[in-house]
Every structure is written in C-alpha cells, then in structure tokens.
Amino acid sequence: MGLTILATIFVFSVIVFVHELGHFATAKWAGMQVDEFALGFGPKVYSVRRGDTEYSLRAIPLGGFNRIAGMTEEEDLNDKSFLSKPVWKRMVVIAAGGIMNFVLAIVLLWGLFFVVGTVTVSPEAVVGSTIAGSPAEQSGLVAGDRIVRIGNQKISKWSDISQAVAPYSHAVVTVEIERDGRIQGVEMVPDVDSASKKAMLGVMPMTTKEAHGFFESAGMAVQRTGKL
C-alpha cells in the first residue's frame, strides 16, 4: 500500500511538472513575467530566485503552479503582464500545459516501443505456456498443444476457452488437444480464480514479440496516443 501511494505521488508529480513546464516555457517565450514556478503546494521547503522568477519546492507534492504576473485586471499591469500580451500569445500559454501532457504520453510510448517492442497475442487456441501448479500443467499440457474441444463445446479460437470452461468450476472436464497431428483427451479439474471467480485451466496464449526502429517507434507512439 505504501509503495502504491508513493508511486501515485511520483507519477502525479511528473504529470503536473510537465504540464506546468509547458505554461512556464511558453510564458517565458512570450516575454511574460513569471513570478514563481512551484512544484507542490503548501509551505516552501526550498526556493531560489533566478532573474524575475522564484523556483520553489513545496511540502505537499500533489500538484504545482506557475504564478504569471498580470493575469487579472486587479493587478498592476506592465508590458510583461499576461493581459498586456496579444490574445494569440495568451492562448498559446494557456494551451501549452495540456499539449505538453500529450507530448509526455508520446515520449513515454516512443521509449516503450523502441526499448521493449510490442507483443501480439495470437487468437488461435494454441497453448503458449502453462501456469506453474495449474490444472493444465499437472495434466501435462505443453506449449504448442492446440485445444480443440472442452467438454461438449468445440474450440475454434482462444476466446472460446473461458466460456467453455465456465460451467466446470471444481468439476471434472475432458479437454481434447491436438499434438503432433493426433487428437487426445485429458481430464482435469479447473481452478477458480480468487479475483474474478472464474474457472480456469491455467493456460496462456502464444505471443509474438516484435522490435521496432527508432523512427518507426515514433510514428507508432503518435498513432497510439491518438487512439488512447
């Protein structure tokens, strides 16, 4: 639980930092005065001033903000104030935070596709592996076995398996497999998954891992971000 909380805080902080960095960078580009760039809320833990801007780290790491001068008419305005700049520049600064979050998603996916690659799950009812200690392993199923029937139901694709196994929770069922061109029947008692409460044999599908080049990964990252 503690690790999950810390991971959540870290991820949220990164997202907010990148978001606020977009506002900050474009405000500086537009010639606006940024009084403070802060990561977190609450009391200041550390701060340092560089030029017109104070950079601060605050006690509660759940957010962050930019304090850009002259965002309301109640403030004293000058030529560096937000409201003194052309509307199009103000629009760029406002939009930059959200745009940077899309950029962050693209960069992260780009890295994953390039370093890790992609894994494609086969729709065929062919065993890729068995879970240790599962009914499938104990009954002798191995990678490459094609499941052709479970009980009275014919199996034509991988998605048929869970539906066919469902009625046999803690009951004996005959699983017919094709191995080396021969059909053979294996009896087993499916386990029940503690989380989903569904009967399971303990088989995993075949997967294919594919590597991608640097520029190919970039294009895939843009496409995947758009779909998401």
Protein backbone atom coordinates (compact mmCIF):
# COMPACT_ATOMS: atom_id res chain seq x y z
CA MET A 1 0.00 0.00 0.00
CA GLY A 2 2.77 2.43 0.94
CA LEU A 3 4.65 1.73 -2.30
CA THR A 4 1.46 2.28 -4.30
CA ILE A 5 0.89 5.65 -2.61
CA LEU A 6 4.48 6.74 -3.28
CA ALA A 7 4.25 5.60 -6.91
CA THR A 8 0.99 7.51 -7.36
CA ILE A 9 2.53 10.67 -5.89
CA PHE A 10 5.58 10.31 -8.14
CA VAL A 11 3.55 9.79 -11.32
CA PHE A 12 1.14 12.60 -10.49
CA SER A 13 4.07 14.93 -9.73
CA VAL A 14 5.73 14.13 -13.06
CA ILE A 15 2.48 14.79 -14.96
CA VAL A 16 1.93 18.10 -13.17
CA PHE A 17 5.58 19.15 -13.57
CA VAL A 18 5.47 18.58 -17.33
CA HIS A 19 2.10 20.36 -17.56
CA GLU A 20 3.33 23.41 -15.66
CA LEU A 21 6.61 23.36 -17.57
CA GLY A 22 4.58 23.90 -20.75
CA HIS A 23 2.94 27.02 -19.28
CA PHE A 24 6.28 28.24 -17.92
CA ALA A 25 8.32 27.77 -21.10
CA THR A 26 5.75 29.43 -23.36
CA ALA A 27 5.23 32.31 -20.90
CA LYS A 28 8.97 32.98 -20.97
CA TRP A 29 8.96 32.70 -24.76
CA ALA A 30 6.08 35.20 -24.96
CA GLY A 31 8.03 37.70 -22.83
CA MET A 32 5.77 37.37 -19.78
CA GLN A 33 6.96 37.80 -16.21
CA VAL A 34 6.73 34.54 -14.25
CA ASP A 35 6.93 35.41 -10.57
CA GLU A 36 7.08 31.81 -9.33
CA PHE A 37 7.41 28.29 -10.69
CA ALA A 38 6.45 25.83 -7.93
CA LEU A 39 6.30 22.06 -7.65
CA GLY A 40 3.83 21.08 -4.94
CA PHE A 41 1.62 23.10 -2.61
CA GLY A 42 1.81 24.30 0.97
CA PRO A 43 4.85 25.71 2.80
CA LYS A 44 8.08 26.21 0.88
CA VAL A 45 10.74 23.58 1.52
CA TYR A 46 13.32 25.15 -0.76
CA SER A 47 13.39 28.13 -3.11
CA VAL A 48 15.89 30.00 -5.23
CA ARG A 49 15.49 33.11 -7.39
CA ARG A 50 16.86 33.38 -10.90
CA GLY A 51 16.08 36.69 -12.59
CA ASP A 52 12.40 37.61 -12.22
CA THR A 53 11.38 34.07 -11.26
CA GLU A 54 11.42 32.26 -7.91
CA TYR A 55 11.74 28.48 -8.25
CA SER A 56 10.29 26.64 -5.26
CA LEU A 57 9.71 23.16 -3.93
CA ARG A 58 6.74 22.90 -1.58
CA ALA A 59 5.83 20.47 1.19
CA ILE A 60 2.81 18.74 -0.40
CA PRO A 61 3.90 17.02 -3.66
CA LEU A 62 0.43 16.84 -5.19
CA GLY A 63 0.41 19.46 -7.87
CA GLY A 64 2.23 22.64 -8.76
CA PHE A 65 1.68 26.01 -10.34
CA ASN A 66 3.07 28.97 -12.26
CA ARG A 67 2.41 32.46 -10.94
CA ILE A 68 2.41 34.65 -14.05
CA ALA A 69 2.22 38.39 -13.45
CA GLY A 70 -0.82 40.34 -14.57
CA MET A 71 -3.38 37.58 -15.12
CA THR A 72 -6.18 39.71 -13.59
CA GLU A 73 -7.13 43.34 -14.07
CA GLU A 74 -6.83 43.93 -10.32
CA GLU A 75 -3.04 43.62 -10.58
CA ASP A 76 -0.66 46.38 -11.61
CA LEU A 77 -0.03 45.72 -15.29
CA ASN A 78 3.15 46.36 -17.25
CA ASP A 79 4.50 45.33 -20.62
CA LYS A 80 5.41 41.88 -19.26
CA SER A 81 1.97 41.17 -17.81
CA PHE A 82 -0.16 38.34 -19.15
CA LEU A 83 -3.04 40.65 -20.08
CA SER A 84 -0.67 43.02 -21.89
CA LYS A 85 0.26 40.41 -24.47
CA PRO A 86 -1.63 39.69 -27.71
CA VAL A 87 -4.52 37.24 -27.45
CA TRP A 88 -2.78 34.63 -29.59
CA LYS A 89 0.21 34.54 -27.25
CA ARG A 90 -2.07 34.18 -24.24
CA MET A 91 -3.84 31.30 -26.00
CA VAL A 92 -0.52 29.56 -26.62
CA VAL A 93 0.44 29.84 -22.94
CA ILE A 94 -2.92 28.52 -21.74
CA ALA A 95 -2.94 25.60 -24.20
CA ALA A 96 0.70 24.63 -23.62
CA GLY A 97 0.02 22.71 -20.39
CA GLY A 98 -2.43 20.29 -21.97
CA ILE A 99 -0.32 19.96 -25.10
CA MET A 100 2.72 19.00 -23.01
CA ASN A 101 0.73 16.16 -21.41
CA PHE A 102 0.10 14.75 -24.89
CA VAL A 103 3.81 15.19 -25.67
CA LEU A 104 4.69 13.32 -22.45
CA ALA A 105 2.45 10.41 -23.49
CA ILE A 106 4.07 10.28 -26.94
CA VAL A 107 7.59 10.34 -25.48
CA LEU A 108 6.83 7.57 -22.97
CA LEU A 109 5.20 5.33 -25.60
CA TRP A 110 8.04 6.08 -28.02
CA GLY A 111 10.54 4.84 -25.43
CA LEU A 112 8.50 1.71 -24.66
CA PHE A 113 8.06 0.76 -28.31
CA PHE A 114 11.74 1.31 -29.08
CA VAL A 115 13.23 -0.35 -25.97
CA VAL A 116 10.66 -3.07 -25.22
CA GLY A 117 8.91 -3.56 -28.55
CA THR A 118 5.34 -4.80 -28.93
CA VAL A 119 3.77 -8.11 -28.01
CA THR A 120 0.98 -9.55 -30.18
CA VAL A 121 -1.32 -12.19 -28.68
CA SER A 122 -2.33 -14.97 -31.05
CA PRO A 123 -6.10 -15.51 -31.43
CA GLU A 124 -5.52 -19.22 -32.12
CA ALA A 125 -6.41 -21.77 -29.43
CA VAL A 126 -2.79 -22.89 -29.13
CA VAL A 127 -1.09 -23.12 -25.75
CA GLY A 128 1.85 -20.75 -25.42
CA SER A 129 2.67 -21.73 -21.83
CA THR A 130 1.06 -23.12 -18.69
CA ILE A 131 0.91 -21.55 -15.24
CA ALA A 132 3.01 -23.34 -12.62
CA GLY A 133 0.90 -25.65 -10.47
CA SER A 134 -2.21 -25.15 -12.61
CA PRO A 135 -4.54 -27.97 -13.75
CA ALA A 136 -3.14 -27.63 -17.28
CA GLU A 137 0.46 -28.14 -16.11
CA GLN A 138 -0.47 -31.03 -13.83
CA SER A 139 -2.35 -32.71 -16.68
CA GLY A 140 0.68 -32.49 -18.97
CA LEU A 141 -0.33 -29.76 -21.41
CA VAL A 142 2.68 -28.16 -23.07
CA ALA A 143 3.41 -25.25 -25.41
CA GLY A 144 2.19 -25.98 -28.91
CA ASP A 145 -0.85 -28.04 -27.91
CA ARG A 146 -3.95 -26.93 -29.80
CA ILE A 147 -7.15 -27.08 -27.74
CA VAL A 148 -9.93 -28.39 -30.00
CA ARG A 149 -12.73 -29.23 -27.54
CA ILE A 150 -13.63 -28.62 -23.90
CA GLY A 151 -16.45 -30.80 -22.65
CA ASN A 152 -19.12 -30.68 -25.37
CA GLN A 153 -18.02 -27.35 -26.86
CA LYS A 154 -15.80 -27.15 -29.91
CA ILE A 155 -12.94 -24.63 -29.62
CA SER A 156 -12.02 -22.66 -32.73
CA LYS A 157 -10.29 -19.62 -31.23
CA TRP A 158 -8.65 -18.63 -27.93
CA SER A 159 -11.58 -16.53 -26.72
CA ASP A 160 -13.78 -19.66 -26.76
CA ILE A 161 -11.80 -21.27 -23.94
CA SER A 162 -13.01 -19.21 -20.96
CA GLN A 163 -16.66 -19.59 -21.96
CA ALA A 164 -16.28 -23.35 -22.44
CA VAL A 165 -14.53 -23.83 -19.06
CA ALA A 166 -17.02 -21.70 -17.07
CA PRO A 167 -19.57 -24.48 -16.29
CA TYR A 168 -16.87 -26.79 -14.90
CA SER A 169 -15.86 -24.93 -11.75
CA HIS A 170 -14.38 -27.65 -9.47
CA ALA A 171 -15.82 -30.34 -11.78
CA VAL A 172 -14.01 -32.83 -14.00
CA VAL A 173 -13.94 -31.86 -17.67
CA THR A 174 -12.37 -33.55 -20.67
CA VAL A 175 -10.10 -31.29 -22.71
CA GLU A 176 -9.26 -32.55 -26.19
CA ILE A 177 -5.98 -31.36 -27.63
CA GLU A 178 -4.16 -31.82 -30.91
CA ARG A 179 -0.49 -32.70 -30.51
CA ASP A 180 1.77 -33.77 -33.35
CA GLY A 181 -1.27 -34.27 -35.59
CA ARG A 182 -3.03 -36.59 -33.13
CA ILE A 183 -6.12 -35.87 -31.01
CA GLN A 184 -6.04 -36.94 -27.38
CA GLY A 185 -8.27 -36.29 -24.41
CA VAL A 186 -7.06 -35.07 -21.00
CA GLU A 187 -9.22 -34.93 -17.89
CA MET A 188 -8.71 -32.08 -15.43
CA VAL A 189 -10.49 -30.10 -12.73
CA PRO A 190 -10.34 -26.32 -13.40
CA ASP A 191 -9.27 -23.97 -10.62
CA VAL A 192 -11.32 -20.92 -9.67
CA ASP A 193 -9.50 -17.58 -9.85
CA SER A 194 -9.79 -15.84 -6.47
CA ALA A 195 -10.20 -12.38 -8.02
CA SER A 196 -12.54 -12.98 -10.98
CA LYS A 197 -14.27 -16.08 -9.51
CA LYS A 198 -13.99 -17.70 -12.95
CA ALA A 199 -12.94 -21.26 -13.72
CA MET A 200 -9.53 -21.53 -15.35
CA LEU A 201 -7.28 -24.21 -16.80
CA GLY A 202 -4.07 -22.25 -16.32
CA VAL A 203 -3.07 -21.87 -19.97
CA MET A 204 -1.60 -18.80 -21.63
CA PRO A 205 -1.85 -17.92 -25.35
CA MET A 206 1.02 -17.79 -27.79
CA THR A 207 2.61 -14.38 -28.15
CA THR A 208 4.91 -12.81 -30.70
CA LYS A 209 7.36 -10.08 -29.70
CA GLU A 210 8.40 -7.57 -32.36
CA ALA A 211 11.19 -4.99 -32.20
CA HIS A 212 10.77 -1.56 -33.79
CA GLY A 213 13.21 1.02 -35.08
CA PHE A 214 13.68 4.48 -33.61
CA PHE A 215 11.61 6.39 -36.17
CA GLU A 216 9.03 3.62 -36.56
CA SER A 217 8.50 3.74 -32.79
CA ALA A 218 7.92 7.49 -33.00
CA GLY A 219 5.15 7.08 -35.56
CA MET A 220 3.55 4.27 -33.56
CA ALA A 221 3.65 6.43 -30.41
CA VAL A 222 1.75 9.24 -32.14
CA GLN A 223 -0.84 6.82 -33.51
CA ARG A 224 -1.32 5.04 -30.16
CA THR A 225 -1.68 8.34 -28.29
CA GLY A 226 -4.35 9.40 -30.78
CA LYS A 227 -6.25 6.14 -30.26
CA LEU A 228 -6.00 6.41 -26.48
